[in-house]
């Protein structure tokens, strides 16, 4: 069975998803990267995430200085200090065991050429961003309709909340229920029938 592997040009997709900024204050670039990674991960299955590598340029690596680590099952790589993401992606393409099953997500012509040479697939970042959005819409509509057959939907792509996100929304909505209950009209009082004399 053919399995697709994803190799993503991180900053290229960050721009395509509209998450990039012209300038970044201290710590903002890291937050934008994390938002992008959660955006991708939340719209992929566990199996897809295990076959996804996201590559970033060398500037401002993760706060603890790691250049290679896992994030929600995806492999995250930062280019060496004296190199860039495109060069690292080219190296990963050249050494990939199954290049024909590899999808490179980038709008960079250099990377399109590199993956085409190995008979893999090039996907523009804008197209991939649109696919992520489409999956989010499908996931929302799937969540609003319960499965009448009771099928297991665990492998469907969906938006997953972290524990911190879940705690945040619980806090936001913790005060809503009493207001709803207070606004709910009381049931009409039962009328007593007059006693017949």
C-alpha atoms as a PDB file:
ATOM      1  CA  UNK A   1       0.000   0.000   0.000  1.00  0.00           C
ATOM      2  CA  UNK A   2       1.349   3.422  -1.003  1.00  0.00           C
ATOM      3  CA  UNK A   3       1.970   5.813   1.872  1.00  0.00           C
ATOM      4  CA  UNK A   4       2.481   9.533   1.379  1.00  0.00           C
ATOM      5  CA  UNK A   5       5.284  11.338   3.182  1.00  0.00           C
ATOM      6  CA  UNK A   6       5.160  15.114   3.660  1.00  0.00           C
ATOM      7  CA  UNK A   7       8.173  17.428   3.655  1.00  0.00           C
ATOM      8  CA  UNK A   8       7.070  20.987   4.447  1.00  0.00           C
ATOM      9  CA  UNK A   9       8.917  24.270   3.935  1.00  0.00           C
ATOM     10  CA  UNK A  10       7.865  25.803   7.258  1.00  0.00           C
ATOM     11  CA  UNK A  11       8.289  29.540   6.684  1.00  0.00           C
ATOM     12  CA  UNK A  12       6.907  29.265   3.149  1.00  0.00           C
ATOM     13  CA  UNK A  13       3.712  27.667   4.503  1.00  0.00           C
ATOM     14  CA  UNK A  14       3.610  30.155   7.398  1.00  0.00           C
ATOM     15  CA  UNK A  15       3.242  32.959   4.817  1.00  0.00           C
ATOM     16  CA  UNK A  16       0.711  31.002   2.725  1.00  0.00           C
ATOM     17  CA  UNK A  17      -1.463  30.445   5.827  1.00  0.00           C
ATOM     18  CA  UNK A  18      -1.398  34.165   6.621  1.00  0.00           C
ATOM     19  CA  UNK A  19       0.383  33.634   9.944  1.00  0.00           C
ATOM     20  CA  UNK A  20       3.618  35.461   9.124  1.00  0.00           C
ATOM     21  CA  UNK A  21       4.391  39.022  10.126  1.00  0.00           C
ATOM     22  CA  UNK A  22       6.599  41.705   8.593  1.00  0.00           C
ATOM     23  CA  UNK A  23       8.459  42.122  11.883  1.00  0.00           C
ATOM     24  CA  UNK A  24       8.603  39.966  14.968  1.00  0.00           C
ATOM     25  CA  UNK A  25       8.992  41.210  18.530  1.00  0.00           C
ATOM     26  CA  UNK A  26      10.938  39.043  20.941  1.00  0.00           C
ATOM     27  CA  UNK A  27       9.372  35.565  21.112  1.00  0.00           C
ATOM     28  CA  UNK A  28       6.734  36.267  18.433  1.00  0.00           C
ATOM     29  CA  UNK A  29       8.373  34.184  15.705  1.00  0.00           C
ATOM     30  CA  UNK A  30       8.389  31.149  17.987  1.00  0.00           C
ATOM     31  CA  UNK A  31       4.679  31.663  18.761  1.00  0.00           C
ATOM     32  CA  UNK A  32       3.852  31.936  15.038  1.00  0.00           C
ATOM     33  CA  UNK A  33       5.783  28.722  14.336  1.00  0.00           C
ATOM     34  CA  UNK A  34       3.966  26.900  17.107  1.00  0.00           C
ATOM     35  CA  UNK A  35       0.615  28.190  15.840  1.00  0.00           C
ATOM     36  CA  UNK A  36       1.478  26.874  12.365  1.00  0.00           C
ATOM     37  CA  UNK A  37       2.541  23.463  13.694  1.00  0.00           C
ATOM     38  CA  UNK A  38      -0.687  23.113  15.682  1.00  0.00           C
ATOM     39  CA  UNK A  39      -2.649  24.255  12.621  1.00  0.00           C
ATOM     40  CA  UNK A  40      -1.066  21.480  10.523  1.00  0.00           C
ATOM     41  CA  UNK A  41      -1.240  18.799  13.218  1.00  0.00           C
ATOM     42  CA  UNK A  42      -4.875  19.537  14.026  1.00  0.00           C
ATOM     43  CA  UNK A  43      -5.899  18.796  10.457  1.00  0.00           C
ATOM     44  CA  UNK A  44      -3.911  15.599   9.933  1.00  0.00           C
ATOM     45  CA  UNK A  45      -4.448  12.070  11.162  1.00  0.00           C
ATOM     46  CA  UNK A  46      -1.989  10.491  13.619  1.00  0.00           C
ATOM     47  CA  UNK A  47      -0.599   8.404  10.767  1.00  0.00           C
ATOM     48  CA  UNK A  48      -0.054  11.447   8.530  1.00  0.00           C
ATOM     49  CA  UNK A  49       1.674  13.340  11.331  1.00  0.00           C
ATOM     50  CA  UNK A  50       4.077  10.428  11.818  1.00  0.00           C
ATOM     51  CA  UNK A  51       5.083  10.824   8.149  1.00  0.00           C
ATOM     52  CA  UNK A  52       5.461  14.617   8.184  1.00  0.00           C
ATOM     53  CA  UNK A  53       8.650  16.658   8.498  1.00  0.00           C
ATOM     54  CA  UNK A  54       8.534  20.457   8.803  1.00  0.00           C
ATOM     55  CA  UNK A  55      11.756  22.347   8.090  1.00  0.00           C
ATOM     56  CA  UNK A  56      12.573  25.893   9.225  1.00  0.00           C
ATOM     57  CA  UNK A  57      15.500  28.196   8.530  1.00  0.00           C
ATOM     58  CA  UNK A  58      18.292  28.492  11.065  1.00  0.00           C
ATOM     59  CA  UNK A  59      17.248  31.857  12.514  1.00  0.00           C
ATOM     60  CA  UNK A  60      15.697  31.858  15.986  1.00  0.00           C
ATOM     61  CA  UNK A  61      15.511  28.125  16.640  1.00  0.00           C
ATOM     62  CA  UNK A  62      13.212  26.771  19.350  1.00  0.00           C
ATOM     63  CA  UNK A  63      13.546  28.489  22.696  1.00  0.00           C
ATOM     64  CA  UNK A  64      15.626  25.673  24.230  1.00  0.00           C
ATOM     65  CA  UNK A  65      17.951  25.605  21.215  1.00  0.00           C
ATOM     66  CA  UNK A  66      16.870  22.217  19.855  1.00  0.00           C
ATOM     67  CA  UNK A  67      17.300  21.849  16.102  1.00  0.00           C
ATOM     68  CA  UNK A  68      15.550  18.504  15.737  1.00  0.00           C
ATOM     69  CA  UNK A  69      12.560  17.321  17.790  1.00  0.00           C
ATOM     70  CA  UNK A  70       8.994  15.980  17.637  1.00  0.00           C
ATOM     71  CA  UNK A  71       5.861  18.111  17.868  1.00  0.00           C
ATOM     72  CA  UNK A  72       2.533  16.228  18.114  1.00  0.00           C
ATOM     73  CA  UNK A  73       4.059  13.344  16.181  1.00  0.00           C
ATOM     74  CA  UNK A  74       5.630  15.470  13.412  1.00  0.00           C
ATOM     75  CA  UNK A  75       9.388  15.710  12.920  1.00  0.00           C
ATOM     76  CA  UNK A  76      10.611  19.317  13.187  1.00  0.00           C
ATOM     77  CA  UNK A  77      14.004  20.285  11.762  1.00  0.00           C
ATOM     78  CA  UNK A  78      15.951  23.539  11.820  1.00  0.00           C
ATOM     79  CA  UNK A  79      18.634  24.102   9.193  1.00  0.00           C
ATOM     80  CA  UNK A  80      22.231  24.303  10.445  1.00  0.00           C
ATOM     81  CA  UNK A  81      23.403  27.802  11.394  1.00  0.00           C
ATOM     82  CA  UNK A  82      25.494  28.144   8.218  1.00  0.00           C
ATOM     83  CA  UNK A  83      22.722  26.920   5.889  1.00  0.00           C
ATOM     84  CA  UNK A  84      19.029  27.423   5.071  1.00  0.00           C
ATOM     85  CA  UNK A  85      15.792  25.432   4.959  1.00  0.00           C
ATOM     86  CA  UNK A  86      15.913  24.965   1.173  1.00  0.00           C
ATOM     87  CA  UNK A  87      19.342  23.333   1.341  1.00  0.00           C
ATOM     88  CA  UNK A  88      18.243  21.011   4.158  1.00  0.00           C
ATOM     89  CA  UNK A  89      15.048  20.089   2.277  1.00  0.00           C
ATOM     90  CA  UNK A  90      17.101  19.312  -0.839  1.00  0.00           C
ATOM     91  CA  UNK A  91      19.319  17.019   1.246  1.00  0.00           C
ATOM     92  CA  UNK A  92      16.269  15.277   2.738  1.00  0.00           C
ATOM     93  CA  UNK A  93      14.802  14.797  -0.748  1.00  0.00           C
ATOM     94  CA  UNK A  94      18.087  13.354  -2.036  1.00  0.00           C
ATOM     95  CA  UNK A  95      18.288  10.834   0.816  1.00  0.00           C
ATOM     96  CA  UNK A  96      14.613   9.874   1.071  1.00  0.00           C
ATOM     97  CA  UNK A  97      14.049   6.119   0.734  1.00  0.00           C
ATOM     98  CA  UNK A  98      10.753   6.490  -1.183  1.00  0.00           C
ATOM     99  CA  UNK A  99      10.929   9.767  -3.144  1.00  0.00           C
ATOM    100  CA  UNK A 100       7.988   8.854  -5.393  1.00  0.00           C
ATOM    101  CA  UNK A 101       5.763   8.802  -2.303  1.00  0.00           C
ATOM    102  CA  UNK A 102       7.146  12.128  -1.086  1.00  0.00           C
ATOM    103  CA  UNK A 103       5.133  15.367  -1.292  1.00  0.00           C
ATOM    104  CA  UNK A 104       7.197  18.532  -0.904  1.00  0.00           C
ATOM    105  CA  UNK A 105       5.099  21.479   0.265  1.00  0.00           C
ATOM    106  CA  UNK A 106       6.685  24.705  -0.934  1.00  0.00           C
ATOM    107  CA  UNK A 107       6.137  27.397  -3.549  1.00  0.00           C
ATOM    108  CA  UNK A 108       9.901  27.583  -4.113  1.00  0.00           C
ATOM    109  CA  UNK A 109      10.919  26.643  -7.681  1.00  0.00           C
ATOM    110  CA  UNK A 110      14.247  25.284  -6.492  1.00  0.00           C
ATOM    111  CA  UNK A 111      12.491  22.701  -4.320  1.00  0.00           C
ATOM    112  CA  UNK A 112       9.945  21.881  -7.034  1.00  0.00           C
ATOM    113  CA  UNK A 113      12.864  21.070  -9.345  1.00  0.00           C
ATOM    114  CA  UNK A 114      14.572  18.950  -6.678  1.00  0.00           C
ATOM    115  CA  UNK A 115      11.519  16.774  -5.965  1.00  0.00           C
ATOM    116  CA  UNK A 116      10.528  16.491  -9.648  1.00  0.00           C
ATOM    117  CA  UNK A 117      13.983  15.095 -10.452  1.00  0.00           C
ATOM    118  CA  UNK A 118      13.323  12.267  -7.992  1.00  0.00           C
ATOM    119  CA  UNK A 119       9.794  11.753  -9.382  1.00  0.00           C
ATOM    120  CA  UNK A 120       8.076  12.912  -6.231  1.00  0.00           C
ATOM    121  CA  UNK A 121       5.241  15.436  -5.971  1.00  0.00           C
ATOM    122  CA  UNK A 122       5.516  19.192  -5.587  1.00  0.00           C
ATOM    123  CA  UNK A 123       2.621  20.969  -3.863  1.00  0.00           C
ATOM    124  CA  UNK A 124       2.455  24.766  -3.644  1.00  0.00           C
ATOM    125  CA  UNK A 125       2.108  26.086  -0.108  1.00  0.00           C
ATOM    126  CA  UNK A 126      -1.059  27.970  -1.053  1.00  0.00           C
ATOM    127  CA  UNK A 127      -2.674  24.740  -2.274  1.00  0.00           C
ATOM    128  CA  UNK A 128      -1.676  22.890   0.889  1.00  0.00           C
ATOM    129  CA  UNK A 129      -3.007  25.751   3.059  1.00  0.00           C
ATOM    130  CA  UNK A 130      -6.327  25.546   1.173  1.00  0.00           C
ATOM    131  CA  UNK A 131      -6.433  21.763   1.768  1.00  0.00           C
ATOM    132  CA  UNK A 132      -5.888  22.298   5.505  1.00  0.00           C
ATOM    133  CA  UNK A 133      -8.772  24.786   5.539  1.00  0.00           C
ATOM    134  CA  UNK A 134     -10.985  22.346   3.617  1.00  0.00           C
ATOM    135  CA  UNK A 135     -10.225  19.618   6.160  1.00  0.00           C
ATOM    136  CA  UNK A 136     -11.130  21.953   9.008  1.00  0.00           C
ATOM    137  CA  UNK A 137     -14.517  22.697   7.419  1.00  0.00           C
ATOM    138  CA  UNK A 138     -15.179  18.992   6.829  1.00  0.00           C
ATOM    139  CA  UNK A 139     -14.156  18.191  10.381  1.00  0.00           C
ATOM    140  CA  UNK A 140     -16.555  20.788  11.782  1.00  0.00           C
ATOM    141  CA  UNK A 141     -19.429  19.456   9.682  1.00  0.00           C
ATOM    142  CA  UNK A 142     -18.593  15.849  10.675  1.00  0.00           C
ATOM    143  CA  UNK A 143     -18.591  16.830  14.339  1.00  0.00           C
ATOM    144  CA  UNK A 144     -22.055  18.375  14.042  1.00  0.00           C
ATOM    145  CA  UNK A 145     -23.556  15.159  12.640  1.00  0.00           C
ATOM    146  CA  UNK A 146     -23.322  12.067  14.806  1.00  0.00           C
ATOM    147  CA  UNK A 147     -22.578   8.848  12.961  1.00  0.00           C
ATOM    148  CA  UNK A 148     -25.794   6.770  12.761  1.00  0.00           C
ATOM    149  CA  UNK A 149     -23.792   3.574  12.276  1.00  0.00           C
ATOM    150  CA  UNK A 150     -21.544   4.156  15.271  1.00  0.00           C
ATOM    151  CA  UNK A 151     -18.456   3.896  13.055  1.00  0.00           C
ATOM    152  CA  UNK A 152     -15.126   4.718  14.629  1.00  0.00           C
ATOM    153  CA  UNK A 153     -14.140   8.216  13.466  1.00  0.00           C
ATOM    154  CA  UNK A 154     -10.776   8.247  15.269  1.00  0.00           C
ATOM    155  CA  UNK A 155      -8.763   8.249  12.038  1.00  0.00           C
ATOM    156  CA  UNK A 156     -10.586  11.204  10.498  1.00  0.00           C
ATOM    157  CA  UNK A 157      -8.617  14.457  10.407  1.00  0.00           C
ATOM    158  CA  UNK A 158      -9.878  16.909  12.977  1.00  0.00           C
ATOM    159  CA  UNK A 159      -8.967  19.828  15.140  1.00  0.00           C
ATOM    160  CA  UNK A 160      -7.506  18.605  18.386  1.00  0.00           C
ATOM    161  CA  UNK A 161      -7.213  20.835  21.421  1.00  0.00           C
ATOM    162  CA  UNK A 162      -4.264  20.738  23.734  1.00  0.00           C
ATOM    163  CA  UNK A 163      -4.889  20.469  27.480  1.00  0.00           C
ATOM    164  CA  UNK A 164      -4.074  24.188  27.831  1.00  0.00           C
ATOM    165  CA  UNK A 165      -6.571  25.132  25.092  1.00  0.00           C
ATOM    166  CA  UNK A 166      -9.252  22.939  26.668  1.00  0.00           C
ATOM    167  CA  UNK A 167      -8.653  24.509  30.087  1.00  0.00           C
ATOM    168  CA  UNK A 168      -8.844  27.985  28.543  1.00  0.00           C
ATOM    169  CA  UNK A 169     -12.230  27.351  26.894  1.00  0.00           C
ATOM    170  CA  UNK A 170     -13.595  25.703  30.049  1.00  0.00           C
ATOM    171  CA  UNK A 171     -12.649  28.853  31.939  1.00  0.00           C
ATOM    172  CA  UNK A 172     -14.245  31.098  29.288  1.00  0.00           C
ATOM    173  CA  UNK A 173     -17.528  29.199  29.357  1.00  0.00           C
ATOM    174  CA  UNK A 174     -17.608  28.378  33.083  1.00  0.00           C
ATOM    175  CA  UNK A 175     -19.863  31.373  33.820  1.00  0.00           C
ATOM    176  CA  UNK A 176     -22.224  30.859  30.895  1.00  0.00           C
ATOM    177  CA  UNK A 177     -24.395  28.008  32.227  1.00  0.00           C
ATOM    178  CA  UNK A 178     -25.907  29.886  35.223  1.00  0.00           C
ATOM    179  CA  UNK A 179     -26.916  32.746  32.907  1.00  0.00           C
ATOM    180  CA  UNK A 180     -28.539  30.298  30.516  1.00  0.00           C
ATOM    181  CA  UNK A 181     -30.412  28.638  33.387  1.00  0.00           C
ATOM    182  CA  UNK A 182     -31.555  32.012  34.717  1.00  0.00           C
ATOM    183  CA  UNK A 183     -32.839  33.053  31.293  1.00  0.00           C
ATOM    184  CA  UNK A 184     -34.751  29.793  30.812  1.00  0.00           C
ATOM    185  CA  UNK A 185     -38.480  30.316  31.531  1.00  0.00           C
ATOM    186  CA  UNK A 186     -40.022  28.363  34.370  1.00  0.00           C
ATOM    187  CA  UNK A 187     -42.570  25.707  33.415  1.00  0.00           C
ATOM    188  CA  UNK A 188     -46.156  26.912  33.805  1.00  0.00           C
ATOM    189  CA  UNK A 189     -47.734  26.168  37.170  1.00  0.00           C
ATOM    190  CA  UNK A 190     -50.360  23.440  37.179  1.00  0.00           C
ATOM    191  CA  UNK A 191     -53.851  24.733  37.610  1.00  0.00           C
ATOM    192  CA  UNK A 192     -56.008  23.136  40.230  1.00  0.00           C
ATOM    193  CA  UNK A 193     -59.471  22.166  39.201  1.00  0.00           C
ATOM    194  CA  UNK A 194     -62.170  23.721  41.340  1.00  0.00           C
ATOM    195  CA  UNK A 195     -63.831  21.251  43.655  1.00  0.00           C
ATOM    196  CA  UNK A 196     -67.313  20.375  42.635  1.00  0.00           C
ATOM    197  CA  UNK A 197     -69.856  21.029  45.360  1.00  0.00           C
END
